[in-house]
Amino acid sequence: MSMEISNAYSSYVGNSAYATRSTNQKQATESRETDKTSTETQVATRKTAADELSYLSEKYSNFTFVAVNYKQGMQYGSMATTNIAISPEFLKKMANDSKLEKEYESYFDGMRKLDEENIRTHEARGRRMVAQGWAIDKNGGISRWGVSEPTNKRHYGQEMTDYANKIRKQKAEKAKEQGKLEEKRKAKREQEERLAEMRAERKTESKNLQSYEFKVVGSDVRDLTEKMIAAMKNPNSAAVSATAGLDLKI
C-alpha cells in the first residue's frame, strides 16, 4: 500500500514538475516573443530623423542631441551634458539601420569621457571650458569643438596690458636708438662736408701759391734782409736768379 501511495505521489510530483516546467517554458517563450515584438515595433516605428532623435534623447539622459548640419561657430547644449549634433540625413540612416545605430551609440560613452578629460586638461592650464560638443556629419564623420577662457579674467587682462606696455616700451627704445644713429650719421655728414671744404680751400690756396728761386748777395745781415724782401716783392727783377736754392753770402 505504501508503495502504491509512494508511486502515486511520485507520479503526482513528476506530473506537477512537468506541468510547472511546461508552464515556465511557455511563459518564457511568450515573454521573449513579446520582447521581440516590442523591439520590432520600436525599430519599425523609427523611420525618420525625428524618430531617431527622440529615441536617442530618451535613452541617454546625460546627453543633448540636436538634429543639425554643424557649421563652424555653432554652439548647443550645456556644460552639464555631452552635446552631439547629428546631421538629419545621418539620423535617418541610423533609424533605418540597426547595425549603424549600435555602432554610433557605442561611441557616445567615449565622447563623454573625452569631454571630462578635456575639462581637466584645460583646468591644468589655467583655463576653463565654457562650451564644448561633438558633430556627426551626413557621411558619419565625427568632429569636436570647444570654447574656453582664462580661469582668472582679471589676470588675463593684466597680462594683455603688460604685453601692450612692453611693446610700446620696445618701440620707444627702438625710436630712441634710431634717433641716436641719425644724430651720428648727421655728425658724420657734417664732418665729411667740413673736410671737403677744407680740401677745396687747400686746393684753391695751392693754385694761388708761387715758388721763387733767387740768389741774394749782401755785405751784412741787414743788407741781405732788405734785398730778400725786395726780391720777394718783385720776383721778376734782375736781383732774382734762376739758381735753385738760397745762397746767402755776407
Protein backbone atom coordinates (compact mmCIF):
# COMPACT_ATOMS: atom_id res chain seq x y z
CA MET A 1 0.00 0.00 0.00
CA SER A 2 2.70 2.33 0.96
CA MET A 3 4.46 1.56 -2.29
CA GLU A 4 1.42 2.41 -4.31
CA ILE A 5 0.89 5.61 -2.44
CA SER A 6 4.52 6.43 -2.94
CA ASN A 7 4.23 5.64 -6.63
CA ALA A 8 1.12 7.69 -6.89
CA TYR A 9 2.77 10.57 -5.04
CA SER A 10 5.85 10.24 -7.17
CA SER A 11 3.72 10.28 -10.28
CA TYR A 12 1.86 13.34 -8.99
CA VAL A 13 5.09 15.16 -8.19
CA GLY A 14 6.55 14.26 -11.55
CA ASN A 15 3.44 15.36 -13.37
CA SER A 16 3.33 18.57 -11.34
CA ALA A 17 7.01 19.32 -12.05
CA TYR A 18 6.49 18.67 -15.72
CA ALA A 19 3.45 20.88 -15.70
CA THR A 20 5.39 23.60 -13.90
CA ARG A 21 8.32 23.37 -16.36
CA SER A 22 5.92 23.46 -19.26
CA THR A 23 4.19 26.49 -17.82
CA ASN A 24 7.54 28.27 -17.20
CA GLN A 25 8.81 27.44 -20.65
CA LYS A 26 5.57 28.68 -22.16
CA GLN A 27 5.75 31.91 -20.17
CA ALA A 28 9.43 32.44 -21.10
CA THR A 29 8.63 31.83 -24.75
CA GLU A 30 5.72 34.23 -24.61
CA SER A 31 7.93 36.81 -22.84
CA ARG A 32 10.65 36.54 -25.50
CA GLU A 33 8.07 36.79 -28.23
CA THR A 34 6.57 39.83 -26.51
CA ASP A 35 10.02 41.48 -26.15
CA LYS A 36 10.83 40.62 -29.74
CA THR A 37 7.54 42.04 -30.92
CA SER A 38 8.09 45.16 -28.80
CA THR A 39 11.64 45.62 -30.17
CA GLU A 40 10.48 45.03 -33.73
CA THR A 41 7.70 47.53 -33.15
CA GLN A 42 10.18 50.10 -31.82
CA VAL A 43 12.56 49.56 -34.72
CA ALA A 44 9.70 49.68 -37.15
CA THR A 45 8.45 52.96 -35.77
CA ARG A 46 11.89 54.66 -36.08
CA LYS A 47 11.91 55.58 -39.70
CA THR A 48 12.61 59.32 -39.69
CA ALA A 49 15.32 61.61 -38.31
CA ALA A 50 12.82 62.93 -35.77
CA ASP A 51 12.09 59.37 -34.58
CA GLU A 52 15.79 58.66 -34.11
CA LEU A 53 16.42 61.94 -32.31
CA SER A 54 13.54 61.23 -29.91
CA TYR A 55 14.81 57.72 -29.28
CA LEU A 56 18.39 58.85 -28.50
CA SER A 57 17.21 61.72 -26.29
CA GLU A 58 15.06 59.38 -24.20
CA LYS A 59 17.72 56.69 -23.95
CA TYR A 60 20.66 58.91 -22.95
CA SER A 61 19.62 61.24 -20.15
CA ASN A 62 23.03 62.95 -19.72
CA PHE A 63 23.32 63.83 -23.40
CA THR A 64 21.94 66.62 -25.52
CA PHE A 65 21.18 65.62 -29.11
CA VAL A 66 20.32 68.11 -31.84
CA ALA A 67 19.44 67.43 -35.46
CA VAL A 68 21.51 69.91 -37.44
CA ASN A 69 24.28 70.08 -40.01
CA TYR A 70 27.07 71.56 -37.89
CA LYS A 71 28.85 74.68 -39.10
CA GLN A 72 31.86 76.33 -37.52
CA GLY A 73 30.88 78.69 -34.75
CA MET A 74 27.73 76.82 -33.71
CA GLN A 75 27.15 76.14 -30.00
CA TYR A 76 24.49 73.93 -28.44
CA GLY A 77 23.76 72.08 -25.21
CA SER A 78 25.38 72.91 -21.88
CA MET A 79 28.46 72.00 -19.86
CA ALA A 80 26.26 69.68 -17.76
CA THR A 81 25.74 67.28 -20.68
CA THR A 82 27.61 65.69 -23.56
CA ASN A 83 26.40 67.57 -26.62
CA ILE A 84 26.12 65.88 -30.00
CA ALA A 85 24.83 67.43 -33.21
CA ILE A 86 23.84 64.83 -35.81
CA SER A 87 23.04 65.57 -39.41
CA PRO A 88 19.34 64.89 -40.12
CA GLU A 89 20.38 62.78 -43.09
CA PHE A 90 22.56 60.59 -40.91
CA LEU A 91 19.87 60.34 -38.22
CA LYS A 92 17.55 58.88 -40.83
CA LYS A 93 20.23 56.36 -41.83
CA MET A 94 20.62 55.31 -38.18
CA ALA A 95 16.84 54.98 -37.82
CA ASN A 96 16.72 52.51 -40.71
CA ASP A 97 19.95 50.62 -40.00
CA SER A 98 20.16 48.98 -36.56
CA LYS A 99 23.81 47.96 -37.01
CA LEU A 100 24.82 51.51 -37.90
CA GLU A 101 22.79 52.78 -34.97
CA LYS A 102 24.52 50.46 -32.49
CA GLU A 103 27.93 51.32 -33.91
CA TYR A 104 27.49 55.03 -33.30
CA GLU A 105 25.81 54.52 -29.94
CA SER A 106 28.97 52.72 -28.87
CA TYR A 107 30.92 55.95 -29.44
CA PHE A 108 28.81 58.07 -27.09
CA ASP A 109 30.40 56.93 -23.83
CA GLY A 110 33.86 57.61 -25.26
CA MET A 111 32.75 61.12 -26.22
CA ARG A 112 31.57 61.73 -22.65
CA LYS A 113 34.91 60.57 -21.20
CA LEU A 114 36.88 62.72 -23.63
CA ASP A 115 34.78 65.75 -22.63
CA GLU A 116 35.64 65.16 -18.97
CA GLU A 117 39.32 64.76 -19.82
CA ASN A 118 39.22 67.95 -21.89
CA ILE A 119 37.86 69.89 -18.92
CA ARG A 120 40.65 68.61 -16.65
CA THR A 121 43.33 69.38 -19.24
CA HIS A 122 42.19 72.99 -19.62
CA GLU A 123 41.91 73.48 -15.86
CA ALA A 124 45.54 72.33 -15.51
CA ARG A 125 46.50 75.06 -18.00
CA GLY A 126 44.67 77.78 -16.09
CA ARG A 127 41.61 77.81 -18.35
CA ARG A 128 38.05 76.60 -18.09
CA MET A 129 35.73 75.22 -20.72
CA VAL A 130 32.75 77.45 -21.49
CA ALA A 131 31.16 75.17 -24.07
CA GLN A 132 32.02 72.02 -25.99
CA GLY A 133 30.37 69.47 -28.19
CA TRP A 134 30.53 66.90 -30.96
CA ALA A 135 29.24 66.79 -34.52
CA ILE A 136 28.39 63.90 -36.82
CA ASP A 137 28.02 64.92 -40.47
CA LYS A 138 25.85 63.37 -43.16
CA ASN A 139 28.58 60.86 -44.03
CA GLY A 140 29.18 59.79 -40.45
CA GLY A 141 32.32 61.85 -39.96
CA ILE A 142 32.90 62.85 -36.33
CA SER A 143 34.42 66.16 -35.21
CA ARG A 144 34.50 68.16 -31.99
CA TRP A 145 34.60 71.81 -30.94
CA GLY A 146 35.20 73.72 -27.74
CA VAL A 147 35.34 77.22 -26.28
CA SER A 148 37.50 78.07 -23.27
CA GLU A 149 38.56 81.16 -21.34
CA PRO A 150 41.25 82.00 -18.76
CA THR A 151 40.30 81.00 -15.25
CA ASN A 152 41.31 84.45 -13.98
CA LYS A 153 39.95 87.06 -16.40
CA ARG A 154 41.44 89.95 -14.48
CA HIS A 155 44.86 88.35 -14.55
CA TYR A 156 44.49 87.70 -18.27
CA GLY A 157 43.58 91.34 -18.83
CA GLN A 158 46.59 92.43 -16.83
CA GLU A 159 48.79 90.18 -18.95
CA MET A 160 47.44 91.85 -22.09
CA THR A 161 48.10 95.29 -20.59
CA ASP A 162 51.62 94.31 -19.60
CA TYR A 163 52.24 92.94 -23.08
CA ALA A 164 50.96 96.16 -24.69
CA ASN A 165 53.19 98.24 -22.38
CA LYS A 166 56.14 96.05 -23.25
CA ILE A 167 55.56 96.57 -26.97
CA ARG A 168 55.26 100.34 -26.50
CA LYS A 169 58.47 100.39 -24.48
CA GLN A 170 60.30 98.39 -27.11
CA LYS A 171 59.10 100.75 -29.84
CA ALA A 172 60.17 103.80 -27.80
CA GLU A 173 63.63 102.30 -27.20
CA LYS A 174 63.94 101.46 -30.87
CA ALA A 175 62.95 105.00 -31.86
CA LYS A 176 65.48 106.37 -29.39
CA GLU A 177 68.23 104.19 -30.82
CA GLN A 178 67.26 105.24 -34.33
CA GLY A 179 67.44 108.88 -33.20
CA LYS A 180 70.94 108.35 -31.85
CA LEU A 181 72.01 106.66 -35.07
CA GLU A 182 70.56 109.52 -37.09
CA GLU A 183 72.48 112.04 -34.97
CA LYS A 184 75.69 110.09 -35.54
CA ARG A 185 75.02 109.97 -39.28
CA LYS A 186 74.32 113.69 -39.30
CA ALA A 187 77.54 114.47 -37.40
CA LYS A 188 79.49 112.26 -39.78
CA ARG A 189 77.95 114.01 -42.81
CA GLU A 190 78.82 117.43 -41.33
CA GLN A 191 82.39 116.29 -40.64
CA GLU A 192 82.74 114.98 -44.19
CA GLU A 193 81.39 118.27 -45.53
CA ARG A 194 83.88 120.27 -43.46
CA LEU A 195 86.74 118.07 -44.64
CA ALA A 196 85.59 118.51 -48.22
CA GLU A 197 85.51 122.29 -47.74
CA MET A 198 88.99 122.23 -46.22
CA ARG A 199 90.32 120.18 -49.11
CA ALA A 200 88.74 122.60 -51.56
CA GLU A 201 90.27 125.58 -49.76
CA ARG A 202 93.70 123.97 -49.73
CA LYS A 203 93.37 123.18 -53.39
CA THR A 204 92.49 126.81 -54.11
CA GLU A 205 95.40 128.04 -51.99
CA SER A 206 97.79 125.70 -53.70
CA LYS A 207 96.75 127.13 -57.06
CA ASN A 208 97.47 130.67 -55.83
CA LEU A 209 100.89 129.80 -54.41
CA GLN A 210 104.01 130.74 -56.36
CA SER A 211 107.51 129.43 -55.79
CA TYR A 212 110.55 131.66 -56.21
CA GLU A 213 114.19 130.86 -56.59
CA PHE A 214 116.64 133.72 -56.13
CA LYS A 215 120.20 134.47 -55.12
CA VAL A 216 120.96 137.35 -52.84
CA VAL A 217 124.42 138.65 -52.08
CA GLY A 218 124.91 141.25 -49.40
CA SER A 219 127.53 142.79 -47.14
CA ASP A 220 125.74 142.12 -43.88
CA VAL A 221 122.54 140.66 -42.44
CA ARG A 222 120.61 143.86 -42.77
CA ASP A 223 121.64 144.24 -46.38
CA LEU A 224 120.66 140.62 -47.12
CA THR A 225 117.29 141.04 -45.44
CA GLU A 226 116.45 144.14 -47.40
CA LYS A 227 117.45 142.56 -50.68
CA MET A 228 115.40 139.40 -49.89
CA ILE A 229 112.31 141.45 -49.13
CA ALA A 230 112.79 143.44 -52.30
CA ALA A 231 113.29 140.27 -54.36
CA MET A 232 110.12 138.65 -52.91
CA LYS A 233 108.09 141.75 -53.72
CA ASN A 234 109.38 141.82 -57.27
CA PRO A 235 110.37 138.29 -58.28
CA ASN A 236 110.89 139.29 -61.87
CA SER A 237 113.62 141.79 -61.07
CA ALA A 238 117.24 141.22 -62.03
CA ALA A 239 118.06 140.54 -58.39
CA VAL A 240 116.31 137.12 -58.62
CA SER A 241 118.35 134.46 -60.37
CA ALA A 242 117.31 131.13 -61.77
CA THR A 243 119.67 129.34 -59.46
CA ALA A 244 117.93 126.86 -57.24
CA GLY A 245 118.07 127.27 -53.52
CA LEU A 246 119.04 130.25 -51.40
CA ASP A 247 122.64 131.34 -51.31
CA LEU A 248 123.35 133.81 -48.62
CA LYS A 249 126.73 135.46 -48.73
CA ILE A 250 127.95 138.06 -46.31
